C-alpha atoms as a PDB file:
ATOM      1  CA  UNK A   1       0.032   0.110  -0.026  1.00  0.00           C
ATOM      2  CA  UNK A   2       1.404   3.332  -0.960  1.00  0.00           C
ATOM      3  CA  UNK A   3       1.750   6.489   1.062  1.00  0.00           C
ATOM      4  CA  UNK A   4       2.561  10.094   0.375  1.00  0.00           C
ATOM      5  CA  UNK A   5       5.001  12.024   2.293  1.00  0.00           C
ATOM      6  CA  UNK A   6       3.813  15.636   3.249  1.00  0.00           C
ATOM      7  CA  UNK A   7       6.763  18.061   3.415  1.00  0.00           C
ATOM      8  CA  UNK A   8       6.796  21.062   5.758  1.00  0.00           C
ATOM      9  CA  UNK A   9       7.969  24.314   4.058  1.00  0.00           C
ATOM     10  CA  UNK A  10       8.952  22.252   1.075  1.00  0.00           C
ATOM     11  CA  UNK A  11       9.892  25.445  -0.877  1.00  0.00           C
ATOM     12  CA  UNK A  12      12.498  26.535   1.604  1.00  0.00           C
ATOM     13  CA  UNK A  13      15.198  24.379   0.129  1.00  0.00           C
ATOM     14  CA  UNK A  14      14.837  26.027  -3.405  1.00  0.00           C
ATOM     15  CA  UNK A  15      16.795  29.307  -3.316  1.00  0.00           C
ATOM     16  CA  UNK A  16      15.048  32.259  -4.944  1.00  0.00           C
ATOM     17  CA  UNK A  17      17.937  34.867  -4.967  1.00  0.00           C
ATOM     18  CA  UNK A  18      21.051  35.025  -6.997  1.00  0.00           C
ATOM     19  CA  UNK A  19      24.288  33.313  -5.716  1.00  0.00           C
ATOM     20  CA  UNK A  20      25.835  36.481  -4.407  1.00  0.00           C
ATOM     21  CA  UNK A  21      22.791  37.735  -2.525  1.00  0.00           C
ATOM     22  CA  UNK A  22      21.873  40.332  -5.214  1.00  0.00           C
ATOM     23  CA  UNK A  23      18.273  40.515  -6.296  1.00  0.00           C
ATOM     24  CA  UNK A  24      17.721  38.463  -9.433  1.00  0.00           C
ATOM     25  CA  UNK A  25      16.519  40.080 -12.629  1.00  0.00           C
ATOM     26  CA  UNK A  26      12.998  39.072 -13.846  1.00  0.00           C
ATOM     27  CA  UNK A  27      14.689  36.862 -16.424  1.00  0.00           C
ATOM     28  CA  UNK A  28      16.736  35.141 -13.812  1.00  0.00           C
ATOM     29  CA  UNK A  29      13.777  34.720 -11.487  1.00  0.00           C
ATOM     30  CA  UNK A  30      11.850  33.172 -14.393  1.00  0.00           C
ATOM     31  CA  UNK A  31      14.635  30.687 -15.055  1.00  0.00           C
ATOM     32  CA  UNK A  32      14.859  29.779 -11.418  1.00  0.00           C
ATOM     33  CA  UNK A  33      11.121  29.109 -11.378  1.00  0.00           C
ATOM     34  CA  UNK A  34      11.470  26.777 -14.339  1.00  0.00           C
ATOM     35  CA  UNK A  35      14.222  24.939 -12.646  1.00  0.00           C
ATOM     36  CA  UNK A  36      12.184  24.527  -9.412  1.00  0.00           C
ATOM     37  CA  UNK A  37       9.090  23.442 -11.432  1.00  0.00           C
ATOM     38  CA  UNK A  38      11.211  20.584 -13.028  1.00  0.00           C
ATOM     39  CA  UNK A  39      12.213  19.480  -9.604  1.00  0.00           C
ATOM     40  CA  UNK A  40       8.712  19.530  -8.187  1.00  0.00           C
ATOM     41  CA  UNK A  41       6.798  18.137 -11.289  1.00  0.00           C
ATOM     42  CA  UNK A  42       8.385  14.719 -11.391  1.00  0.00           C
ATOM     43  CA  UNK A  43       8.079  12.506 -14.417  1.00  0.00           C
ATOM     44  CA  UNK A  44       5.026  10.158 -14.414  1.00  0.00           C
ATOM     45  CA  UNK A  45       3.633   7.589 -16.750  1.00  0.00           C
ATOM     46  CA  UNK A  46      -0.018   8.365 -15.657  1.00  0.00           C
ATOM     47  CA  UNK A  47      -1.638  11.695 -15.146  1.00  0.00           C
ATOM     48  CA  UNK A  48      -5.169  12.354 -14.039  1.00  0.00           C
ATOM     49  CA  UNK A  49      -7.339  15.414 -14.554  1.00  0.00           C
ATOM     50  CA  UNK A  50     -10.171  16.068 -12.065  1.00  0.00           C
ATOM     51  CA  UNK A  51     -13.530  17.606 -12.654  1.00  0.00           C
ATOM     52  CA  UNK A  52     -12.122  20.889 -11.222  1.00  0.00           C
ATOM     53  CA  UNK A  53      -9.491  21.018 -13.663  1.00  0.00           C
ATOM     54  CA  UNK A  54      -6.536  20.146 -11.471  1.00  0.00           C
ATOM     55  CA  UNK A  55      -3.925  17.747 -12.969  1.00  0.00           C
ATOM     56  CA  UNK A  56      -2.268  15.047 -10.725  1.00  0.00           C
ATOM     57  CA  UNK A  57       0.669  12.954 -11.736  1.00  0.00           C
ATOM     58  CA  UNK A  58       1.058   9.329 -10.427  1.00  0.00           C
ATOM     59  CA  UNK A  59       4.647   9.464  -9.289  1.00  0.00           C
ATOM     60  CA  UNK A  60       6.782   6.526  -8.112  1.00  0.00           C
ATOM     61  CA  UNK A  61       6.532   6.461  -4.405  1.00  0.00           C
ATOM     62  CA  UNK A  62      10.298   6.462  -3.891  1.00  0.00           C
ATOM     63  CA  UNK A  63      10.755   9.474  -6.331  1.00  0.00           C
ATOM     64  CA  UNK A  64       8.077  11.770  -4.819  1.00  0.00           C
ATOM     65  CA  UNK A  65       9.192  15.459  -4.356  1.00  0.00           C
ATOM     66  CA  UNK A  66       9.194  15.360  -0.572  1.00  0.00           C
ATOM     67  CA  UNK A  67      12.112  12.963  -0.678  1.00  0.00           C
ATOM     68  CA  UNK A  68      14.350  15.806  -2.219  1.00  0.00           C
ATOM     69  CA  UNK A  69      14.255  17.505   1.301  1.00  0.00           C
ATOM     70  CA  UNK A  70      17.815  17.290   2.666  1.00  0.00           C
ATOM     71  CA  UNK A  71      16.424  16.124   6.029  1.00  0.00           C
ATOM     72  CA  UNK A  72      14.835  13.015   4.364  1.00  0.00           C
ATOM     73  CA  UNK A  73      17.885  11.812   2.655  1.00  0.00           C
ATOM     74  CA  UNK A  74      17.964   8.571   4.549  1.00  0.00           C
ATOM     75  CA  UNK A  75      14.207   8.278   5.128  1.00  0.00           C
ATOM     76  CA  UNK A  76      12.481   4.956   4.350  1.00  0.00           C
ATOM     77  CA  UNK A  77       8.971   5.428   3.095  1.00  0.00           C
ATOM     78  CA  UNK A  78       6.387   4.154   5.505  1.00  0.00           C
ATOM     79  CA  UNK A  79       3.365   2.242   4.230  1.00  0.00           C
ATOM     80  CA  UNK A  80      -0.069   2.978   5.544  1.00  0.00           C
ATOM     81  CA  UNK A  81      -1.024   1.527   8.815  1.00  0.00           C
ATOM     82  CA  UNK A  82      -1.912  -2.094   8.834  1.00  0.00           C
ATOM     83  CA  UNK A  83      -3.314  -1.892  12.245  1.00  0.00           C
ATOM     84  CA  UNK A  84      -6.481  -0.042  13.040  1.00  0.00           C
ATOM     85  CA  UNK A  85      -6.063   3.694  13.602  1.00  0.00           C
ATOM     86  CA  UNK A  86      -7.504   5.556  16.586  1.00  0.00           C
ATOM     87  CA  UNK A  87     -11.446   5.542  16.471  1.00  0.00           C
ATOM     88  CA  UNK A  88     -12.998   8.820  15.241  1.00  0.00           C
ATOM     89  CA  UNK A  89     -16.210  10.246  16.487  1.00  0.00           C
ATOM     90  CA  UNK A  90     -17.887  11.345  13.305  1.00  0.00           C
ATOM     91  CA  UNK A  91     -19.839   9.665  10.377  1.00  0.00           C
ATOM     92  CA  UNK A  92     -19.461  10.568   6.769  1.00  0.00           C
ATOM     93  CA  UNK A  93     -21.658  13.543   5.701  1.00  0.00           C
ATOM     94  CA  UNK A  94     -22.055  15.664   2.687  1.00  0.00           C
ATOM     95  CA  UNK A  95     -19.047  17.904   3.945  1.00  0.00           C
ATOM     96  CA  UNK A  96     -16.729  15.084   3.921  1.00  0.00           C
ATOM     97  CA  UNK A  97     -18.236  13.464   0.752  1.00  0.00           C
ATOM     98  CA  UNK A  98     -16.756  16.322  -1.233  1.00  0.00           C
ATOM     99  CA  UNK A  99     -13.205  15.261  -0.174  1.00  0.00           C
ATOM    100  CA  UNK A 100     -14.132  11.694  -0.636  1.00  0.00           C
ATOM    101  CA  UNK A 101     -15.301  12.225  -4.230  1.00  0.00           C
ATOM    102  CA  UNK A 102     -12.025  14.100  -5.035  1.00  0.00           C
ATOM    103  CA  UNK A 103      -9.946  11.152  -3.670  1.00  0.00           C
ATOM    104  CA  UNK A 104     -11.915   8.796  -5.748  1.00  0.00           C
ATOM    105  CA  UNK A 105     -11.100  10.921  -8.929  1.00  0.00           C
ATOM    106  CA  UNK A 106      -7.370  10.465  -8.226  1.00  0.00           C
ATOM    107  CA  UNK A 107      -6.798   6.785  -8.062  1.00  0.00           C
ATOM    108  CA  UNK A 108      -3.152   6.086  -8.879  1.00  0.00           C
ATOM    109  CA  UNK A 109      -1.676   2.621  -9.619  1.00  0.00           C
ATOM    110  CA  UNK A 110      -0.048   0.634  -6.780  1.00  0.00           C
ATOM    111  CA  UNK A 111       3.478   1.833  -6.047  1.00  0.00           C
ATOM    112  CA  UNK A 112       2.688   5.374  -7.103  1.00  0.00           C
ATOM    113  CA  UNK A 113       1.326   8.514  -5.323  1.00  0.00           C
ATOM    114  CA  UNK A 114      -0.769  11.369  -6.648  1.00  0.00           C
ATOM    115  CA  UNK A 115       1.250  14.665  -6.806  1.00  0.00           C
ATOM    116  CA  UNK A 116      -0.552  17.828  -7.950  1.00  0.00           C
ATOM    117  CA  UNK A 117       1.082  19.498 -10.932  1.00  0.00           C
ATOM    118  CA  UNK A 118       1.903  23.147 -10.113  1.00  0.00           C
ATOM    119  CA  UNK A 119       2.541  26.132 -12.468  1.00  0.00           C
ATOM    120  CA  UNK A 120       4.480  29.388 -11.940  1.00  0.00           C
ATOM    121  CA  UNK A 121       1.742  31.330 -10.451  1.00  0.00           C
ATOM    122  CA  UNK A 122       1.105  28.613  -7.755  1.00  0.00           C
ATOM    123  CA  UNK A 123       4.815  28.384  -6.970  1.00  0.00           C
ATOM    124  CA  UNK A 124       4.936  32.243  -6.638  1.00  0.00           C
ATOM    125  CA  UNK A 125       2.022  32.269  -4.346  1.00  0.00           C
ATOM    126  CA  UNK A 126       3.380  29.506  -2.077  1.00  0.00           C
ATOM    127  CA  UNK A 127       6.774  31.194  -1.819  1.00  0.00           C
ATOM    128  CA  UNK A 128       5.183  34.450  -0.938  1.00  0.00           C
ATOM    129  CA  UNK A 129       3.162  32.871   1.794  1.00  0.00           C
ATOM    130  CA  UNK A 130       6.224  31.229   3.495  1.00  0.00           C
ATOM    131  CA  UNK A 131       8.581  34.037   2.918  1.00  0.00           C
ATOM    132  CA  UNK A 132       6.087  36.549   4.354  1.00  0.00           C
ATOM    133  CA  UNK A 133       5.642  34.518   7.475  1.00  0.00           C
ATOM    134  CA  UNK A 134       9.428  34.040   7.998  1.00  0.00           C
ATOM    135  CA  UNK A 135      10.494  37.615   7.223  1.00  0.00           C
ATOM    136  CA  UNK A 136       7.790  39.199   9.393  1.00  0.00           C
ATOM    137  CA  UNK A 137       8.519  36.728  12.228  1.00  0.00           C
ATOM    138  CA  UNK A 138      12.178  37.577  12.217  1.00  0.00           C
ATOM    139  CA  UNK A 139      11.921  41.319  11.966  1.00  0.00           C
ATOM    140  CA  UNK A 140      12.891  42.684  15.454  1.00  0.00           C
ATOM    141  CA  UNK A 141      11.410  46.093  14.651  1.00  0.00           C
ATOM    142  CA  UNK A 142       7.847  44.726  14.523  1.00  0.00           C
ATOM    143  CA  UNK A 143       5.989  45.566  17.769  1.00  0.00           C
ATOM    144  CA  UNK A 144       2.331  45.431  17.033  1.00  0.00           C
ATOM    145  CA  UNK A 145       2.121  41.869  15.778  1.00  0.00           C
ATOM    146  CA  UNK A 146       4.387  38.903  15.273  1.00  0.00           C
ATOM    147  CA  UNK A 147       2.975  38.556  11.689  1.00  0.00           C
ATOM    148  CA  UNK A 148       1.685  41.916  10.246  1.00  0.00           C
ATOM    149  CA  UNK A 149      -0.794  41.197   7.471  1.00  0.00           C
ATOM    150  CA  UNK A 150      -1.758  37.817   8.937  1.00  0.00           C
ATOM    151  CA  UNK A 151      -5.210  37.486  10.585  1.00  0.00           C
ATOM    152  CA  UNK A 152      -6.910  34.625  12.260  1.00  0.00           C
ATOM    153  CA  UNK A 153     -10.260  33.595  13.709  1.00  0.00           C
ATOM    154  CA  UNK A 154      -9.644  30.407  15.702  1.00  0.00           C
ATOM    155  CA  UNK A 155     -10.639  28.083  18.442  1.00  0.00           C
ATOM    156  CA  UNK A 156      -7.525  26.984  20.549  1.00  0.00           C
ATOM    157  CA  UNK A 157      -6.919  24.193  23.010  1.00  0.00           C
ATOM    158  CA  UNK A 158      -3.597  24.502  24.778  1.00  0.00           C
ATOM    159  CA  UNK A 159      -3.155  21.917  27.539  1.00  0.00           C
ATOM    160  CA  UNK A 160      -0.452  19.814  25.746  1.00  0.00           C
ATOM    161  CA  UNK A 161       0.176  16.193  25.090  1.00  0.00           C
ATOM    162  CA  UNK A 162      -2.195  15.959  22.118  1.00  0.00           C
ATOM    163  CA  UNK A 163      -1.806  13.009  19.624  1.00  0.00           C
ATOM    164  CA  UNK A 164      -4.445  13.943  17.152  1.00  0.00           C
ATOM    165  CA  UNK A 165      -6.990  16.556  15.999  1.00  0.00           C
ATOM    166  CA  UNK A 166      -9.844  16.664  13.538  1.00  0.00           C
ATOM    167  CA  UNK A 167     -13.221  18.128  12.452  1.00  0.00           C
ATOM    168  CA  UNK A 168     -15.767  18.065   9.755  1.00  0.00           C
ATOM    169  CA  UNK A 169     -14.907  21.361   7.687  1.00  0.00           C
ATOM    170  CA  UNK A 170     -17.220  23.117   5.268  1.00  0.00           C
ATOM    171  CA  UNK A 171     -15.790  23.686   1.883  1.00  0.00           C
ATOM    172  CA  UNK A 172     -16.104  27.311   0.823  1.00  0.00           C
ATOM    173  CA  UNK A 173     -15.343  29.222  -2.363  1.00  0.00           C
ATOM    174  CA  UNK A 174     -13.732  32.685  -1.674  1.00  0.00           C
ATOM    175  CA  UNK A 175     -12.129  35.057  -4.189  1.00  0.00           C
ATOM    176  CA  UNK A 176      -8.709  36.484  -3.188  1.00  0.00           C
ATOM    177  CA  UNK A 177      -6.452  39.072  -4.820  1.00  0.00           C
ATOM    178  CA  UNK A 178      -3.013  38.493  -6.095  1.00  0.00           C
ATOM    179  CA  UNK A 179      -0.368  38.102  -3.373  1.00  0.00           C
ATOM    180  CA  UNK A 180      -3.231  37.294  -0.858  1.00  0.00           C
ATOM    181  CA  UNK A 181      -3.986  34.007   0.897  1.00  0.00           C
ATOM    182  CA  UNK A 182      -7.191  32.703   2.729  1.00  0.00           C
ATOM    183  CA  UNK A 183      -7.539  29.217   4.123  1.00  0.00           C
ATOM    184  CA  UNK A 184      -9.280  27.209   6.751  1.00  0.00           C
ATOM    185  CA  UNK A 185      -7.489  24.423   8.772  1.00  0.00           C
ATOM    186  CA  UNK A 186      -7.152  22.416  11.855  1.00  0.00           C
ATOM    187  CA  UNK A 187      -3.515  22.447  12.998  1.00  0.00           C
ATOM    188  CA  UNK A 188      -1.202  21.135  15.728  1.00  0.00           C
ATOM    189  CA  UNK A 189       1.597  23.200  17.046  1.00  0.00           C
ATOM    190  CA  UNK A 190       4.447  23.508  19.551  1.00  0.00           C
ATOM    191  CA  UNK A 191       4.326  27.193  19.567  1.00  0.00           C
ATOM    192  CA  UNK A 192       1.811  29.568  21.443  1.00  0.00           C
ATOM    193  CA  UNK A 193       1.318  31.635  18.335  1.00  0.00           C
ATOM    194  CA  UNK A 194       0.235  28.489  16.459  1.00  0.00           C
ATOM    195  CA  UNK A 195       2.631  29.100  13.422  1.00  0.00           C
ATOM    196  CA  UNK A 196       6.019  27.756  14.519  1.00  0.00           C
ATOM    197  CA  UNK A 197       6.618  24.091  14.594  1.00  0.00           C
ATOM    198  CA  UNK A 198       3.259  23.444  13.353  1.00  0.00           C
ATOM    199  CA  UNK A 199       1.298  21.271  10.825  1.00  0.00           C
ATOM    200  CA  UNK A 200      -1.919  22.530   9.046  1.00  0.00           C
ATOM    201  CA  UNK A 201      -4.287  19.992   7.575  1.00  0.00           C
ATOM    202  CA  UNK A 202      -7.599  18.122   8.290  1.00  0.00           C
ATOM    203  CA  UNK A 203      -7.619  14.855  10.516  1.00  0.00           C
ATOM    204  CA  UNK A 204      -4.198  14.187  11.803  1.00  0.00           C
ATOM    205  CA  UNK A 205      -2.768  11.927  14.475  1.00  0.00           C
ATOM    206  CA  UNK A 206       0.823  10.814  15.426  1.00  0.00           C
ATOM    207  CA  UNK A 207       1.890   7.241  15.275  1.00  0.00           C
ATOM    208  CA  UNK A 208       4.521   5.326  17.345  1.00  0.00           C
ATOM    209  CA  UNK A 209       7.545   6.513  15.444  1.00  0.00           C
ATOM    210  CA  UNK A 210       6.366  10.112  15.673  1.00  0.00           C
ATOM    211  CA  UNK A 211       5.103  10.503  12.025  1.00  0.00           C
ATOM    212  CA  UNK A 212       1.947  12.694  11.831  1.00  0.00           C
ATOM    213  CA  UNK A 213      -0.539  11.068   9.539  1.00  0.00           C
ATOM    214  CA  UNK A 214      -3.240  12.893   7.562  1.00  0.00           C
ATOM    215  CA  UNK A 215      -6.879  11.440   6.991  1.00  0.00           C
ATOM    216  CA  UNK A 216      -9.534  12.538   4.810  1.00  0.00           C
ATOM    217  CA  UNK A 217     -12.791  10.850   5.874  1.00  0.00           C
ATOM    218  CA  UNK A 218     -11.348   7.444   6.831  1.00  0.00           C
ATOM    219  CA  UNK A 219      -8.724   7.344   4.068  1.00  0.00           C
ATOM    220  CA  UNK A 220      -5.045   7.844   5.029  1.00  0.00           C
ATOM    221  CA  UNK A 221      -3.584  10.410   2.584  1.00  0.00           C
ATOM    222  CA  UNK A 222      -0.027  10.582   3.683  1.00  0.00           C
ATOM    223  CA  UNK A 223       2.227  11.605   6.563  1.00  0.00           C
ATOM    224  CA  UNK A 224       4.685  14.233   7.808  1.00  0.00           C
ATOM    225  CA  UNK A 225       7.964  12.286   8.636  1.00  0.00           C
ATOM    226  CA  UNK A 226       9.225  12.899  12.208  1.00  0.00           C
ATOM    227  CA  UNK A 227      12.565  14.087  10.915  1.00  0.00           C
ATOM    228  CA  UNK A 228      10.662  17.334   9.675  1.00  0.00           C
ATOM    229  CA  UNK A 229       8.925  18.022  12.895  1.00  0.00           C
ATOM    230  CA  UNK A 230      10.955  16.695  15.755  1.00  0.00           C
ATOM    231  CA  UNK A 231       9.298  19.191  18.167  1.00  0.00           C
ATOM    232  CA  UNK A 232       6.068  17.292  17.629  1.00  0.00           C
ATOM    233  CA  UNK A 233       7.289  13.772  18.119  1.00  0.00           C
ATOM    234  CA  UNK A 234       5.801  13.370  21.512  1.00  0.00           C
ATOM    235  CA  UNK A 235       2.574  15.237  20.673  1.00  0.00           C
ATOM    236  CA  UNK A 236       1.427  18.854  20.379  1.00  0.00           C
ATOM    237  CA  UNK A 237       1.111  21.488  22.980  1.00  0.00           C
ATOM    238  CA  UNK A 238      -1.561  23.337  20.945  1.00  0.00           C
ATOM    239  CA  UNK A 239      -4.587  22.405  18.842  1.00  0.00           C
ATOM    240  CA  UNK A 240      -6.363  24.971  16.648  1.00  0.00           C
ATOM    241  CA  UNK A 241      -9.449  24.954  14.528  1.00  0.00           C
ATOM    242  CA  UNK A 242     -10.087  27.969  12.297  1.00  0.00           C
ATOM    243  CA  UNK A 243      -9.097  30.273   9.367  1.00  0.00           C
ATOM    244  CA  UNK A 244      -6.216  32.574   8.553  1.00  0.00           C
ATOM    245  CA  UNK A 245      -5.701  35.144   5.870  1.00  0.00           C
ATOM    246  CA  UNK A 246      -2.364  36.803   4.655  1.00  0.00           C
ATOM    247  CA  UNK A 247      -1.743  39.789   2.511  1.00  0.00           C
ATOM    248  CA  UNK A 248       0.270  43.009   2.088  1.00  0.00           C
ATOM    249  CA  UNK A 249      -0.274  45.256   5.154  1.00  0.00           C
ATOM    250  CA  UNK A 250      -1.267  48.280   3.119  1.00  0.00           C
ATOM    251  CA  UNK A 251      -4.079  46.513   1.279  1.00  0.00           C
ATOM    252  CA  UNK A 252      -7.568  45.186   2.331  1.00  0.00           C
ATOM    253  CA  UNK A 253      -7.277  41.738   3.861  1.00  0.00           C
ATOM    254  CA  UNK A 254      -8.976  38.809   2.054  1.00  0.00           C
ATOM    255  CA  UNK A 255     -12.377  37.336   2.839  1.00  0.00           C
ATOM    256  CA  UNK A 256     -12.488  34.524   5.246  1.00  0.00           C
ATOM    257  CA  UNK A 257     -14.683  31.372   4.837  1.00  0.00           C
ATOM    258  CA  UNK A 258     -17.422  32.226   2.460  1.00  0.00           C
ATOM    259  CA  UNK A 259     -16.987  36.028   3.163  1.00  0.00           C
ATOM    260  CA  UNK A 260     -19.778  36.284   5.712  1.00  0.00           C
ATOM    261  CA  UNK A 261     -19.724  36.741   9.538  1.00  0.00           C
ATOM    262  CA  UNK A 262     -20.983  33.918  11.639  1.00  0.00           C
ATOM    263  CA  UNK A 263     -24.684  33.783  12.486  1.00  0.00           C
ATOM    264  CA  UNK A 264     -25.507  31.292  15.262  1.00  0.00           C
ATOM    265  CA  UNK A 265     -29.125  31.316  14.055  1.00  0.00           C
ATOM    266  CA  UNK A 266     -28.076  29.773  10.719  1.00  0.00           C
ATOM    267  CA  UNK A 267     -24.855  27.908  10.437  1.00  0.00           C
ATOM    268  CA  UNK A 268     -25.287  27.701   6.582  1.00  0.00           C
ATOM    269  CA  UNK A 269     -24.579  31.463   6.272  1.00  0.00           C
ATOM    270  CA  UNK A 270     -20.821  31.099   7.263  1.00  0.00           C
ATOM    271  CA  UNK A 271     -18.074  28.598   7.334  1.00  0.00           C
ATOM    272  CA  UNK A 272     -18.066  25.978   9.973  1.00  0.00           C
ATOM    273  CA  UNK A 273     -16.155  23.326  11.869  1.00  0.00           C
ATOM    274  CA  UNK A 274     -18.406  20.596  13.175  1.00  0.00           C
ATOM    275  CA  UNK A 275     -17.703  17.722  15.583  1.00  0.00           C
ATOM    276  CA  UNK A 276     -14.300  19.082  16.520  1.00  0.00           C
ATOM    277  CA  UNK A 277     -12.237  16.426  18.081  1.00  0.00           C
ATOM    278  CA  UNK A 278      -8.905  15.825  19.879  1.00  0.00           C
ATOM    279  CA  UNK A 279      -6.897  12.682  20.836  1.00  0.00           C
ATOM    280  CA  UNK A 280      -4.864  12.718  23.997  1.00  0.00           C
ATOM    281  CA  UNK A 281      -4.980   8.936  24.650  1.00  0.00           C
ATOM    282  CA  UNK A 282      -6.129   6.071  22.564  1.00  0.00           C
ATOM    283  CA  UNK A 283      -9.294   7.469  20.710  1.00  0.00           C
ATOM    284  CA  UNK A 284     -10.766  10.754  19.730  1.00  0.00           C
ATOM    285  CA  UNK A 285     -13.061  12.610  21.985  1.00  0.00           C
ATOM    286  CA  UNK A 286     -14.711  16.089  22.256  1.00  0.00           C
ATOM    287  CA  UNK A 287     -12.331  18.887  23.315  1.00  0.00           C
ATOM    288  CA  UNK A 288     -13.256  20.166  26.816  1.00  0.00           C
ATOM    289  CA  UNK A 289     -15.192  23.449  26.213  1.00  0.00           C
ATOM    290  CA  UNK A 290     -13.915  24.871  29.624  1.00  0.00           C
ATOM    291  CA  UNK A 291     -10.376  24.656  28.222  1.00  0.00           C
ATOM    292  CA  UNK A 292     -11.097  25.868  24.699  1.00  0.00           C
ATOM    293  CA  UNK A 293     -10.643  29.586  23.862  1.00  0.00           C
ATOM    294  CA  UNK A 294     -12.002  31.347  20.771  1.00  0.00           C
ATOM    295  CA  UNK A 295     -10.158  34.430  19.435  1.00  0.00           C
ATOM    296  CA  UNK A 296     -10.136  36.786  16.537  1.00  0.00           C
ATOM    297  CA  UNK A 297      -7.691  39.670  15.904  1.00  0.00           C
ATOM    298  CA  UNK A 298      -9.698  41.897  13.563  1.00  0.00           C
ATOM    299  CA  UNK A 299     -13.198  41.967  15.021  1.00  0.00           C
ATOM    300  CA  UNK A 300     -14.439  44.540  12.545  1.00  0.00           C
ATOM    301  CA  UNK A 301     -13.907  42.181   9.453  1.00  0.00           C
ATOM    302  CA  UNK A 302     -13.845  38.597  10.874  1.00  0.00           C
ATOM    303  CA  UNK A 303     -15.689  36.582  13.420  1.00  0.00           C
ATOM    304  CA  UNK A 304     -15.728  33.271  15.164  1.00  0.00           C
ATOM    305  CA  UNK A 305     -18.515  31.831  17.399  1.00  0.00           C
ATOM    306  CA  UNK A 306     -19.270  28.638  19.352  1.00  0.00           C
ATOM    307  CA  UNK A 307     -22.203  26.710  17.865  1.00  0.00           C
ATOM    308  CA  UNK A 308     -24.379  24.139  19.557  1.00  0.00           C
ATOM    309  CA  UNK A 309     -25.873  21.197  17.608  1.00  0.00           C
ATOM    310  CA  UNK A 310     -22.960  19.231  15.992  1.00  0.00           C
ATOM    311  CA  UNK A 311     -20.901  18.215  18.899  1.00  0.00           C
ATOM    312  CA  UNK A 312     -18.353  20.908  19.766  1.00  0.00           C
ATOM    313  CA  UNK A 313     -18.488  23.282  16.833  1.00  0.00           C
ATOM    314  CA  UNK A 314     -17.630  26.707  15.681  1.00  0.00           C
ATOM    315  CA  UNK A 315     -18.788  29.078  12.948  1.00  0.00           C
ATOM    316  CA  UNK A 316     -16.396  31.535  11.303  1.00  0.00           C
ATOM    317  CA  UNK A 317     -15.795  34.078   8.352  1.00  0.00           C
ATOM    318  CA  UNK A 318     -15.904  37.528   7.442  1.00  0.00           C
ATOM    319  CA  UNK A 319     -15.639  39.959   4.421  1.00  0.00           C
ATOM    320  CA  UNK A 320     -12.073  41.182   5.160  1.00  0.00           C
ATOM    321  CA  UNK A 321     -10.862  44.731   4.693  1.00  0.00           C
ATOM    322  CA  UNK A 322      -8.515  47.157   6.445  1.00  0.00           C
ATOM    323  CA  UNK A 323      -7.486  45.943   9.883  1.00  0.00           C
ATOM    324  CA  UNK A 324      -5.946  48.510  12.298  1.00  0.00           C
END
């Protein structure tokens, strides 16, 4: 059985500046992007186009791009679990059926894994996101926020020792401008801010060797090797459910969720996380509400609210705009 590796900050190992530290010309940057695309878009005998227009290549499991990471030079690809994974506390619904349908569209032959083909614009957007986080975090002059231009609406659990996290997540369509980012995740972190030593995804739990495995519905999609996230080998100190946006500080921030603020009278009006779950021992359970905090850093444009009716749940979203 095949298993994909999920690389953290995969683009960090591909330099984007010239060898002597000078800013590259447009032509040099274009050539560098072409070089990176050749590395990322591995050769494949089978490609699959989904109904949404995305193209996936069925790449040999031992040639997948994540293995190019220098920290995985001696990593042996782990097959999917043969033993049963921890029991989850949700049933398949229409929200997870969307993901399930996508997985069924990308059915690669045994011994290969599906890798999404990416183009220059996607590569530029990914690099902007990671470089923005890193540069803003490391700028000692920043006082108001650790990550200017980054906004969040989240529910957070921070007691430590967590082995897994999950939720049913609504699938929303939102339009964002160039150089902007908007996404909804559950994530695990070793950092109080939730952004350092962290993994962002859907259902995740850590196995014996310290690999964090990702599930969509009941299907294992892949894992993050423990070599990439050693700080999380023994579990995570923080669990978060929610949404983040990122963009230039002098521009309107992007919409979050479906662009509407949460309304507890009608969950369909905004984005939602239903049946939020955590694992601290053997199986998943409801997160304790008396230990879970919700927070939003731009109340005028975003919101997050607890919601009763589908286990422990939250509603989130907002139109975006200028945040002071």
